[in-house]
Amino acid sequence: MGRLVLPIATTVALVLVGPALSVDLQKAPVTPGLVPCPSKGQGFVRMPGSDSCVRISGRVTAGMDMRAGHGVAAAPVVAGRLAIDNRADTDLGEVRTYVRIGNGRR
């Protein structure tokens, strides 16, 4: 009998809380989505409430090192990179902030 109480209590709680959650979602403010910045280049978007355009990109590569003589017959090779490019127009011209973080051989 004790094993049946928990599922029933959970079901009752979800039935009672479910309508309250849906009402809260209907009252939530709608924020505008990301707007493209074609003047800065492909992939740039303008963040809501900001004058700067941002592009986030990256890549991941994986493979196997099959060279002999390294003690292991085959070693996994993984490399990755994340790049953040931010551009904003100012009175003095365009200001660019670029950060790239990566590891591996490539």
PDB file of N, CA and C in Angstrom:
ATOM      1  N   MET A   1       0.817  -1.193   0.000  1.00  0.00           N
ATOM      2  CA  MET A   1       0.000   0.000   0.000  1.00  0.00           C
ATOM      3  C   MET A   1       0.857   1.251   0.000  1.00  0.00           C
ATOM      4  N   GLY A   2       2.015   1.218   0.692  1.00  0.00           N
ATOM      5  CA  GLY A   2       2.900   2.378   0.788  1.00  0.00           C
ATOM      6  C   GLY A   2       3.484   2.767  -0.555  1.00  0.00           C
ATOM      7  N   ARG A   3       3.689   1.818  -1.454  1.00  0.00           N
ATOM      8  CA  ARG A   3       4.256   2.104  -2.779  1.00  0.00           C
ATOM      9  C   ARG A   3       3.254   2.810  -3.681  1.00  0.00           C
ATOM     10  N   LEU A   4       1.998   2.703  -3.410  1.00  0.00           N
ATOM     11  CA  LEU A   4       0.961   3.305  -4.230  1.00  0.00           C
ATOM     12  C   LEU A   4       0.703   4.763  -3.862  1.00  0.00           C
ATOM     13  N   VAL A   5       1.061   5.166  -2.642  1.00  0.00           N
ATOM     14  CA  VAL A   5       0.764   6.518  -2.162  1.00  0.00           C
ATOM     15  C   VAL A   5       1.583   7.564  -2.914  1.00  0.00           C
ATOM     16  N   LEU A   6       2.857   7.329  -3.141  1.00  0.00           N
ATOM     17  CA  LEU A   6       3.716   8.314  -3.799  1.00  0.00           C
ATOM     18  C   LEU A   6       3.272   8.617  -5.228  1.00  0.00           C
ATOM     19  N   PRO A   7       3.004   7.635  -6.092  1.00  0.00           N
ATOM     20  CA  PRO A   7       2.525   7.970  -7.436  1.00  0.00           C
ATOM     21  C   PRO A   7       1.191   8.705  -7.428  1.00  0.00           C
ATOM     22  N   ILE A   8       0.298   8.363  -6.536  1.00  0.00           N
ATOM     23  CA  ILE A   8      -0.996   9.040  -6.473  1.00  0.00           C
ATOM     24  C   ILE A   8      -0.795  10.485  -6.016  1.00  0.00           C
ATOM     25  N   ALA A   9       0.049  10.707  -5.014  1.00  0.00           N
ATOM     26  CA  ALA A   9       0.305  12.067  -4.524  1.00  0.00           C
ATOM     27  C   ALA A   9       0.960  12.916  -5.606  1.00  0.00           C
ATOM     28  N   THR A  10       1.866  12.339  -6.369  1.00  0.00           N
ATOM     29  CA  THR A  10       2.520  13.066  -7.455  1.00  0.00           C
ATOM     30  C   THR A  10       1.519  13.442  -8.534  1.00  0.00           C
ATOM     31  N   THR A  11       0.646  12.538  -8.887  1.00  0.00           N
ATOM     32  CA  THR A  11      -0.372  12.811  -9.903  1.00  0.00           C
ATOM     33  C   THR A  11      -1.318  13.912  -9.447  1.00  0.00           C
ATOM     34  N   VAL A  12      -1.739  13.879  -8.212  1.00  0.00           N
ATOM     35  CA  VAL A  12      -2.638  14.905  -7.681  1.00  0.00           C
ATOM     36  C   VAL A  12      -1.946  16.265  -7.690  1.00  0.00           C
ATOM     37  N   ALA A  13      -0.681  16.306  -7.297  1.00  0.00           N
ATOM     38  CA  ALA A  13       0.058  17.571  -7.283  1.00  0.00           C
ATOM     39  C   ALA A  13       0.180  18.149  -8.691  1.00  0.00           C
ATOM     40  N   LEU A  14       0.452  17.323  -9.684  1.00  0.00           N
ATOM     41  CA  LEU A  14       0.568  17.796 -11.058  1.00  0.00           C
ATOM     42  C   LEU A  14      -0.767  18.292 -11.602  1.00  0.00           C
ATOM     43  N   VAL A  15      -1.840  17.631 -11.253  1.00  0.00           N
ATOM     44  CA  VAL A  15      -3.164  18.052 -11.715  1.00  0.00           C
ATOM     45  C   VAL A  15      -3.531  19.408 -11.124  1.00  0.00           C
ATOM     46  N   LEU A  16      -3.172  19.649  -9.876  1.00  0.00           N
ATOM     47  CA  LEU A  16      -3.511  20.912  -9.221  1.00  0.00           C
ATOM     48  C   LEU A  16      -2.599  22.059  -9.645  1.00  0.00           C
ATOM     49  N   VAL A  17      -1.330  21.784  -9.893  1.00  0.00           N
ATOM     50  CA  VAL A  17      -0.359  22.831 -10.229  1.00  0.00           C
ATOM     51  C   VAL A  17      -0.357  23.126 -11.718  1.00  0.00           C
ATOM     52  N   GLY A  18      -0.712  22.191 -12.569  1.00  0.00           N
ATOM     53  CA  GLY A  18      -0.671  22.359 -14.022  1.00  0.00           C
ATOM     54  C   GLY A  18      -1.401  23.578 -14.530  1.00  0.00           C
ATOM     55  N   PRO A  19      -2.671  23.810 -14.152  1.00  0.00           N
ATOM     56  CA  PRO A  19      -3.374  25.007 -14.628  1.00  0.00           C
ATOM     57  C   PRO A  19      -2.730  26.302 -14.147  1.00  0.00           C
ATOM     58  N   ALA A  20      -2.166  26.308 -12.947  1.00  0.00           N
ATOM     59  CA  ALA A  20      -1.507  27.515 -12.441  1.00  0.00           C
ATOM     60  C   ALA A  20      -0.272  27.844 -13.271  1.00  0.00           C
ATOM     61  N   LEU A  21       0.478  26.845 -13.689  1.00  0.00           N
ATOM     62  CA  LEU A  21       1.653  27.085 -14.524  1.00  0.00           C
ATOM     63  C   LEU A  21       1.261  27.612 -15.890  1.00  0.00           C
ATOM     64  N   SER A  22       0.201  27.116 -16.476  1.00  0.00           N
ATOM     65  CA  SER A  22      -0.214  27.583 -17.796  1.00  0.00           C
ATOM     66  C   SER A  22      -0.698  29.022 -17.746  1.00  0.00           C
ATOM     67  N   VAL A  23      -1.349  29.439 -16.670  1.00  0.00           N
ATOM     68  CA  VAL A  23      -1.798  30.826 -16.531  1.00  0.00           C
ATOM     69  C   VAL A  23      -0.587  31.745 -16.419  1.00  0.00           C
ATOM     70  N   ASP A  24       0.448  31.331 -15.673  1.00  0.00           N
ATOM     71  CA  ASP A  24       1.659  32.139 -15.545  1.00  0.00           C
ATOM     72  C   ASP A  24       2.354  32.319 -16.883  1.00  0.00           C
ATOM     73  N   LEU A  25       2.367  31.306 -17.715  1.00  0.00           N
ATOM     74  CA  LEU A  25       3.000  31.406 -19.025  1.00  0.00           C
ATOM     75  C   LEU A  25       2.238  32.359 -19.937  1.00  0.00           C
ATOM     76  N   GLN A  26       0.930  32.418 -19.798  1.00  0.00           N
ATOM     77  CA  GLN A  26       0.143  33.333 -20.618  1.00  0.00           C
ATOM     78  C   GLN A  26       0.400  34.778 -20.233  1.00  0.00           C
ATOM     79  N   LYS A  27       0.736  35.052 -18.967  1.00  0.00           N
ATOM     80  CA  LYS A  27       1.009  36.403 -18.498  1.00  0.00           C
ATOM     81  C   LYS A  27       2.449  36.834 -18.752  1.00  0.00           C
ATOM     82  N   ALA A  28       3.320  35.922 -19.127  1.00  0.00           N
ATOM     83  CA  ALA A  28       4.737  36.228 -19.314  1.00  0.00           C
ATOM     84  C   ALA A  28       4.916  37.214 -20.465  1.00  0.00           C
ATOM     85  N   PRO A  29       5.799  38.199 -20.306  1.00  0.00           N
ATOM     86  CA  PRO A  29       6.029  39.159 -21.392  1.00  0.00           C
ATOM     87  C   PRO A  29       6.748  38.497 -22.560  1.00  0.00           C
ATOM     88  N   VAL A  30       6.418  38.937 -23.746  1.00  0.00           N
ATOM     89  CA  VAL A  30       7.033  38.395 -24.951  1.00  0.00           C
ATOM     90  C   VAL A  30       8.218  39.296 -25.323  1.00  0.00           C
ATOM     91  N   THR A  31       9.405  38.712 -25.378  1.00  0.00           N
ATOM     92  CA  THR A  31      10.585  39.484 -25.760  1.00  0.00           C
ATOM     93  C   THR A  31      10.875  39.230 -27.226  1.00  0.00           C
ATOM     94  N   PRO A  32      11.336  40.255 -27.934  1.00  0.00           N
ATOM     95  CA  PRO A  32      11.650  40.052 -29.352  1.00  0.00           C
ATOM     96  C   PRO A  32      12.845  39.131 -29.519  1.00  0.00           C
ATOM     97  N   GLY A  33      12.864  38.423 -30.623  1.00  0.00           N
ATOM     98  CA  GLY A  33      13.960  37.503 -30.898  1.00  0.00           C
ATOM     99  C   GLY A  33      15.181  38.218 -31.447  1.00  0.00           C
ATOM    100  N   LEU A  34      16.127  37.449 -31.882  1.00  0.00           N
ATOM    101  CA  LEU A  34      17.353  38.006 -32.440  1.00  0.00           C
ATOM    102  C   LEU A  34      17.095  38.547 -33.843  1.00  0.00           C
ATOM    103  N   VAL A  35      17.689  39.702 -34.129  1.00  0.00           N
ATOM    104  CA  VAL A  35      17.515  40.356 -35.420  1.00  0.00           C
ATOM    105  C   VAL A  35      18.833  40.244 -36.189  1.00  0.00           C
ATOM    106  N   PRO A  36      18.825  39.806 -37.444  1.00  0.00           N
ATOM    107  CA  PRO A  36      20.073  39.693 -38.211  1.00  0.00           C
ATOM    108  C   PRO A  36      20.743  41.052 -38.437  1.00  0.00           C
ATOM    109  N   CYS A  37      22.074  41.046 -38.531  1.00  0.00           N
ATOM    110  CA  CYS A  37      22.872  42.239 -38.840  1.00  0.00           C
ATOM    111  C   CYS A  37      23.621  41.974 -40.154  1.00  0.00           C
ATOM    112  N   PRO A  38      22.975  42.075 -41.299  1.00  0.00           N
ATOM    113  CA  PRO A  38      23.658  41.767 -42.557  1.00  0.00           C
ATOM    114  C   PRO A  38      24.797  42.725 -42.876  1.00  0.00           C
ATOM    115  N   SER A  39      24.808  43.935 -42.320  1.00  0.00           N
ATOM    116  CA  SER A  39      25.882  44.892 -42.597  1.00  0.00           C
ATOM    117  C   SER A  39      27.206  44.461 -41.968  1.00  0.00           C
ATOM    118  N   LYS A  40      27.173  43.647 -40.934  1.00  0.00           N
ATOM    119  CA  LYS A  40      28.396  43.182 -40.261  1.00  0.00           C
ATOM    120  C   LYS A  40      28.937  41.894 -40.860  1.00  0.00           C
ATOM    121  N   GLY A  41      28.125  41.174 -41.591  1.00  0.00           N
ATOM    122  CA  GLY A  41      28.568  39.926 -42.198  1.00  0.00           C
ATOM    123  C   GLY A  41      27.593  38.800 -41.908  1.00  0.00           C
ATOM    124  N   GLN A  42      27.863  37.661 -42.514  1.00  0.00           N
ATOM    125  CA  GLN A  42      26.989  36.503 -42.367  1.00  0.00           C
ATOM    126  C   GLN A  42      27.080  35.944 -40.952  1.00  0.00           C
ATOM    127  N   GLY A  43      25.930  35.651 -40.354  1.00  0.00           N
ATOM    128  CA  GLY A  43      25.883  35.023 -39.044  1.00  0.00           C
ATOM    129  C   GLY A  43      25.794  35.986 -37.874  1.00  0.00           C
ATOM    130  N   PHE A  44      25.890  37.294 -38.088  1.00  0.00           N
ATOM    131  CA  PHE A  44      25.805  38.261 -36.998  1.00  0.00           C
ATOM    132  C   PHE A  44      24.350  38.549 -36.668  1.00  0.00           C
ATOM    133  N   VAL A  45      24.054  38.683 -35.377  1.00  0.00           N
ATOM    134  CA  VAL A  45      22.711  39.022 -34.916  1.00  0.00           C
ATOM    135  C   VAL A  45      22.808  40.145 -33.886  1.00  0.00           C
ATOM    136  N   ARG A  46      21.787  40.984 -33.861  1.00  0.00           N
ATOM    137  CA  ARG A  46      21.712  42.069 -32.890  1.00  0.00           C
ATOM    138  C   ARG A  46      20.949  41.559 -31.675  1.00  0.00           C
ATOM    139  N   MET A  47      21.555  41.708 -30.514  1.00  0.00           N
ATOM    140  CA  MET A  47      20.924  41.287 -29.276  1.00  0.00           C
ATOM    141  C   MET A  47      19.864  42.310 -28.883  1.00  0.00           C
ATOM    142  N   PRO A  48      18.716  41.873 -28.352  1.00  0.00           N
ATOM    143  CA  PRO A  48      17.669  42.814 -27.948  1.00  0.00           C
ATOM    144  C   PRO A  48      18.182  43.787 -26.887  1.00  0.00           C
ATOM    145  N   GLY A  49      17.903  45.076 -27.079  1.00  0.00           N
ATOM    146  CA  GLY A  49      18.323  46.095 -26.133  1.00  0.00           C
ATOM    147  C   GLY A  49      19.758  46.529 -26.270  1.00  0.00           C
ATOM    148  N   SER A  50      20.418  46.171 -27.367  1.00  0.00           N
ATOM    149  CA  SER A  50      21.829  46.493 -27.547  1.00  0.00           C
ATOM    150  C   SER A  50      22.067  47.013 -28.960  1.00  0.00           C
ATOM    151  N   ASP A  51      23.141  47.783 -29.130  1.00  0.00           N
ATOM    152  CA  ASP A  51      23.515  48.271 -30.456  1.00  0.00           C
ATOM    153  C   ASP A  51      24.629  47.444 -31.084  1.00  0.00           C
ATOM    154  N   SER A  52      25.107  46.437 -30.387  1.00  0.00           N
ATOM    155  CA  SER A  52      26.199  45.628 -30.926  1.00  0.00           C
ATOM    156  C   SER A  52      25.668  44.365 -31.596  1.00  0.00           C
ATOM    157  N   CYS A  53      26.456  43.858 -32.542  1.00  0.00           N
ATOM    158  CA  CYS A  53      26.121  42.632 -33.265  1.00  0.00           C
ATOM    159  C   CYS A  53      27.117  41.551 -32.872  1.00  0.00           C
ATOM    160  N   VAL A  54      26.629  40.339 -32.629  1.00  0.00           N
ATOM    161  CA  VAL A  54      27.445  39.246 -32.129  1.00  0.00           C
ATOM    162  C   VAL A  54      27.321  38.037 -33.038  1.00  0.00           C
ATOM    163  N   ARG A  55      28.451  37.342 -33.228  1.00  0.00           N
ATOM    164  CA  ARG A  55      28.443  36.050 -33.933  1.00  0.00           C
ATOM    165  C   ARG A  55      29.206  35.054 -33.067  1.00  0.00           C
ATOM    166  N   ILE A  56      28.577  33.912 -32.792  1.00  0.00           N
ATOM    167  CA  ILE A  56      29.209  32.847 -32.026  1.00  0.00           C
ATOM    168  C   ILE A  56      29.362  31.651 -32.946  1.00  0.00           C
ATOM    169  N   SER A  57      30.584  31.148 -33.028  1.00  0.00           N
ATOM    170  CA  SER A  57      30.843  30.010 -33.910  1.00  0.00           C
ATOM    171  C   SER A  57      31.819  29.064 -33.220  1.00  0.00           C
ATOM    172  N   GLY A  58      31.976  27.905 -33.798  1.00  0.00           N
ATOM    173  CA  GLY A  58      32.905  26.936 -33.241  1.00  0.00           C
ATOM    174  C   GLY A  58      32.936  25.675 -34.069  1.00  0.00           C
ATOM    175  N   ARG A  59      33.827  24.787 -33.672  1.00  0.00           N
ATOM    176  CA  ARG A  59      33.903  23.498 -34.359  1.00  0.00           C
ATOM    177  C   ARG A  59      34.518  22.472 -33.421  1.00  0.00           C
ATOM    178  N   VAL A  60      34.236  21.213 -33.710  1.00  0.00           N
ATOM    179  CA  VAL A  60      34.788  20.088 -32.968  1.00  0.00           C
ATOM    180  C   VAL A  60      35.233  19.055 -33.980  1.00  0.00           C
ATOM    181  N   THR A  61      36.436  18.549 -33.807  1.00  0.00           N
ATOM    182  CA  THR A  61      36.930  17.470 -34.666  1.00  0.00           C
ATOM    183  C   THR A  61      37.377  16.310 -33.778  1.00  0.00           C
ATOM    184  N   ALA A  62      37.191  15.112 -34.282  1.00  0.00           N
ATOM    185  CA  ALA A  62      37.589  13.923 -33.544  1.00  0.00           C
ATOM    186  C   ALA A  62      38.111  12.893 -34.526  1.00  0.00           C
ATOM    187  N   GLY A  63      39.034  12.085 -34.062  1.00  0.00           N
ATOM    188  CA  GLY A  63      39.595  11.048 -34.916  1.00  0.00           C
ATOM    189  C   GLY A  63      40.465  10.101 -34.117  1.00  0.00           C
ATOM    190  N   MET A  64      41.225   9.302 -34.825  1.00  0.00           N
ATOM    191  CA  MET A  64      42.127   8.341 -34.190  1.00  0.00           C
ATOM    192  C   MET A  64      43.529   8.531 -34.743  1.00  0.00           C
ATOM    193  N   ASP A  65      44.519   8.509 -33.849  1.00  0.00           N
ATOM    194  CA  ASP A  65      45.920   8.578 -34.239  1.00  0.00           C
ATOM    195  C   ASP A  65      46.413   7.143 -34.408  1.00  0.00           C
ATOM    196  N   MET A  66      46.619   6.734 -35.651  1.00  0.00           N
ATOM    197  CA  MET A  66      46.968   5.342 -35.950  1.00  0.00           C
ATOM    198  C   MET A  66      48.471   5.131 -36.152  1.00  0.00           C
ATOM    199  N   ARG A  67      49.286   6.120 -35.835  1.00  0.00           N
ATOM    200  CA  ARG A  67      50.739   5.974 -36.025  1.00  0.00           C
ATOM    201  C   ARG A  67      51.324   4.971 -35.043  1.00  0.00           C
ATOM    202  N   ALA A  68      52.261   4.196 -35.500  1.00  0.00           N
ATOM    203  CA  ALA A  68      52.908   3.201 -34.647  1.00  0.00           C
ATOM    204  C   ALA A  68      54.047   3.859 -33.871  1.00  0.00           C
ATOM    205  N   GLY A  69      54.415   3.267 -32.736  1.00  0.00           N
ATOM    206  CA  GLY A  69      55.560   3.746 -31.980  1.00  0.00           C
ATOM    207  C   GLY A  69      55.228   4.727 -30.875  1.00  0.00           C
ATOM    208  N   HIS A  70      53.988   4.965 -30.603  1.00  0.00           N
ATOM    209  CA  HIS A  70      53.617   5.876 -29.523  1.00  0.00           C
ATOM    210  C   HIS A  70      53.153   5.122 -28.281  1.00  0.00           C
ATOM    211  N   GLY A  71      53.418   3.848 -28.175  1.00  0.00           N
ATOM    212  CA  GLY A  71      53.047   3.068 -27.006  1.00  0.00           C
ATOM    213  C   GLY A  71      51.633   2.506 -27.067  1.00  0.00           C
ATOM    214  N   VAL A  72      50.747   3.193 -27.717  1.00  0.00           N
ATOM    215  CA  VAL A  72      49.366   2.739 -27.839  1.00  0.00           C
ATOM    216  C   VAL A  72      49.094   2.513 -29.323  1.00  0.00           C
ATOM    217  N   ALA A  73      48.361   1.469 -29.636  1.00  0.00           N
ATOM    218  CA  ALA A  73      48.084   1.172 -31.039  1.00  0.00           C
ATOM    219  C   ALA A  73      47.262   2.272 -31.694  1.00  0.00           C
ATOM    220  N   ALA A  74      46.270   2.775 -31.009  1.00  0.00           N
ATOM    221  CA  ALA A  74      45.428   3.831 -31.554  1.00  0.00           C
ATOM    222  C   ALA A  74      44.997   4.745 -30.409  1.00  0.00           C
ATOM    223  N   ALA A  75      45.259   6.037 -30.540  1.00  0.00           N
ATOM    224  CA  ALA A  75      44.897   6.993 -29.498  1.00  0.00           C
ATOM    225  C   ALA A  75      43.848   7.961 -30.052  1.00  0.00           C
ATOM    226  N   PRO A  76      42.837   8.258 -29.268  1.00  0.00           N
ATOM    227  CA  PRO A  76      41.834   9.216 -29.747  1.00  0.00           C
ATOM    228  C   PRO A  76      42.399  10.637 -29.791  1.00  0.00           C
ATOM    229  N   VAL A  77      41.988  11.382 -30.801  1.00  0.00           N
ATOM    230  CA  VAL A  77      42.399  12.769 -30.959  1.00  0.00           C
ATOM    231  C   VAL A  77      41.129  13.617 -31.026  1.00  0.00           C
ATOM    232  N   VAL A  78      41.013  14.580 -30.121  1.00  0.00           N
ATOM    233  CA  VAL A  78      39.845  15.457 -30.087  1.00  0.00           C
ATOM    234  C   VAL A  78      40.333  16.894 -30.019  1.00  0.00           C
ATOM    235  N   ALA A  79      39.769  17.745 -30.839  1.00  0.00           N
ATOM    236  CA  ALA A  79      40.108  19.164 -30.825  1.00  0.00           C
ATOM    237  C   ALA A  79      38.827  19.974 -30.952  1.00  0.00           C
ATOM    238  N   GLY A  80      38.819  21.155 -30.360  1.00  0.00           N
ATOM    239  CA  GLY A  80      37.639  21.995 -30.447  1.00  0.00           C
ATOM    240  C   GLY A  80      38.008  23.461 -30.408  1.00  0.00           C
ATOM    241  N   ARG A  81      37.088  24.289 -30.856  1.00  0.00           N
ATOM    242  CA  ARG A  81      37.318  25.734 -30.865  1.00  0.00           C
ATOM    243  C   ARG A  81      35.994  26.459 -30.711  1.00  0.00           C
ATOM    244  N   LEU A  82      35.994  27.550 -29.934  1.00  0.00           N
ATOM    245  CA  LEU A  82      34.839  28.415 -29.762  1.00  0.00           C
ATOM    246  C   LEU A  82      35.287  29.839 -30.055  1.00  0.00           C
ATOM    247  N   ALA A  83      34.543  30.553 -30.905  1.00  0.00           N
ATOM    248  CA  ALA A  83      34.885  31.928 -31.262  1.00  0.00           C
ATOM    249  C   ALA A  83      33.684  32.834 -31.020  1.00  0.00           C
ATOM    250  N   ILE A  84      33.942  33.994 -30.419  1.00  0.00           N
ATOM    251  CA  ILE A  84      32.914  35.009 -30.185  1.00  0.00           C
ATOM    252  C   ILE A  84      33.406  36.302 -30.816  1.00  0.00           C
ATOM    253  N   ASP A  85      32.638  36.839 -31.753  1.00  0.00           N
ATOM    254  CA  ASP A  85      32.987  38.060 -32.486  1.00  0.00           C
ATOM    255  C   ASP A  85      31.905  39.100 -32.202  1.00  0.00           C
ATOM    256  N   ASN A  86      32.288  40.229 -31.609  1.00  0.00           N
ATOM    257  CA  ASN A  86      31.348  41.291 -31.247  1.00  0.00           C
ATOM    258  C   ASN A  86      31.757  42.568 -31.975  1.00  0.00           C
ATOM    259  N   ARG A  87      30.809  43.209 -32.648  1.00  0.00           N
ATOM    260  CA  ARG A  87      31.090  44.451 -33.377  1.00  0.00           C
ATOM    261  C   ARG A  87      30.038  45.492 -33.029  1.00  0.00           C
ATOM    262  N   ALA A  88      30.513  46.717 -32.775  1.00  0.00           N
ATOM    263  CA  ALA A  88      29.605  47.819 -32.418  1.00  0.00           C
ATOM    264  C   ALA A  88      30.067  49.085 -33.115  1.00  0.00           C
ATOM    265  N   ASP A  89      29.110  49.883 -33.591  1.00  0.00           N
ATOM    266  CA  ASP A  89      29.418  51.169 -34.202  1.00  0.00           C
ATOM    267  C   ASP A  89      29.486  52.236 -33.110  1.00  0.00           C
ATOM    268  N   THR A  90      30.551  53.056 -33.146  1.00  0.00           N
ATOM    269  CA  THR A  90      30.715  54.160 -32.207  1.00  0.00           C
ATOM    270  C   THR A  90      30.961  55.438 -32.998  1.00  0.00           C
ATOM    271  N   ASP A  91      31.114  56.566 -32.295  1.00  0.00           N
ATOM    272  CA  ASP A  91      31.409  57.841 -32.945  1.00  0.00           C
ATOM    273  C   ASP A  91      32.771  57.822 -33.628  1.00  0.00           C
ATOM    274  N   LEU A  92      33.690  56.993 -33.139  1.00  0.00           N
ATOM    275  CA  LEU A  92      35.039  56.909 -33.703  1.00  0.00           C
ATOM    276  C   LEU A  92      35.158  55.832 -34.778  1.00  0.00           C
ATOM    277  N   GLY A  93      34.113  55.091 -35.025  1.00  0.00           N
ATOM    278  CA  GLY A  93      34.128  54.006 -36.005  1.00  0.00           C
ATOM    279  C   GLY A  93      33.716  52.701 -35.354  1.00  0.00           C
ATOM    280  N   GLU A  94      33.922  51.619 -36.085  1.00  0.00           N
ATOM    281  CA  GLU A  94      33.524  50.300 -35.578  1.00  0.00           C
ATOM    282  C   GLU A  94      34.537  49.794 -34.559  1.00  0.00           C
ATOM    283  N   VAL A  95      34.035  49.254 -33.451  1.00  0.00           N
ATOM    284  CA  VAL A  95      34.872  48.625 -32.434  1.00  0.00           C
ATOM    285  C   VAL A  95      34.591  47.132 -32.484  1.00  0.00           C
ATOM    286  N   ARG A  96      35.661  46.334 -32.536  1.00  0.00           N
ATOM    287  CA  ARG A  96      35.522  44.880 -32.649  1.00  0.00           C
ATOM    288  C   ARG A  96      36.211  44.210 -31.479  1.00  0.00           C
ATOM    289  N   THR A  97      35.507  43.254 -30.872  1.00  0.00           N
ATOM    290  CA  THR A  97      36.071  42.406 -29.825  1.00  0.00           C
ATOM    291  C   THR A  97      35.979  40.971 -30.329  1.00  0.00           C
ATOM    292  N   TYR A  98      37.122  40.282 -30.322  1.00  0.00           N
ATOM    293  CA  TYR A  98      37.164  38.917 -30.854  1.00  0.00           C
ATOM    294  C   TYR A  98      37.880  38.034 -29.844  1.00  0.00           C
ATOM    295  N   VAL A  99      37.233  36.949 -29.460  1.00  0.00           N
ATOM    296  CA  VAL A  99      37.817  35.987 -28.531  1.00  0.00           C
ATOM    297  C   VAL A  99      37.714  34.608 -29.160  1.00  0.00           C
ATOM    298  N   ARG A 100      38.837  33.886 -29.164  1.00  0.00           N
ATOM    299  CA  ARG A 100      38.822  32.509 -29.671  1.00  0.00           C
ATOM    300  C   ARG A 100      39.543  31.618 -28.673  1.00  0.00           C
ATOM    301  N   ILE A 101      38.860  30.574 -28.266  1.00  0.00           N
ATOM    302  CA  ILE A 101      39.405  29.620 -27.307  1.00  0.00           C
ATOM    303  C   ILE A 101      39.432  28.267 -28.003  1.00  0.00           C
ATOM    304  N   GLY A 102      40.566  27.586 -27.928  1.00  0.00           N
ATOM    305  CA  GLY A 102      40.642  26.293 -28.593  1.00  0.00           C
ATOM    306  C   GLY A 102      41.696  25.399 -27.999  1.00  0.00           C
ATOM    307  N   ASN A 103      41.627  24.133 -28.353  1.00  0.00           N
ATOM    308  CA  ASN A 103      42.647  23.173 -27.950  1.00  0.00           C
ATOM    309  C   ASN A 103      42.867  22.191 -29.096  1.00  0.00           C
ATOM    310  N   GLY A 104      43.874  21.419 -28.982  1.00  0.00           N
ATOM    311  CA  GLY A 104      44.159  20.439 -30.024  1.00  0.00           C
ATOM    312  C   GLY A 104      45.192  20.948 -31.006  1.00  0.00           C
ATOM    313  N   ARG A 105      45.414  20.189 -32.030  1.00  0.00           N
ATOM    314  CA  ARG A 105      46.449  20.506 -33.014  1.00  0.00           C
ATOM    315  C   ARG A 105      45.978  21.403 -34.128  1.00  0.00           C
ATOM    316  N   ARG A 106      44.703  21.513 -34.377  1.00  0.00           N
ATOM    317  CA  ARG A 106      44.220  22.269 -35.535  1.00  0.00           C
ATOM    318  C   ARG A 106      43.841  23.666 -35.168  1.00  0.00           C
TER     319      ARG A 106
END
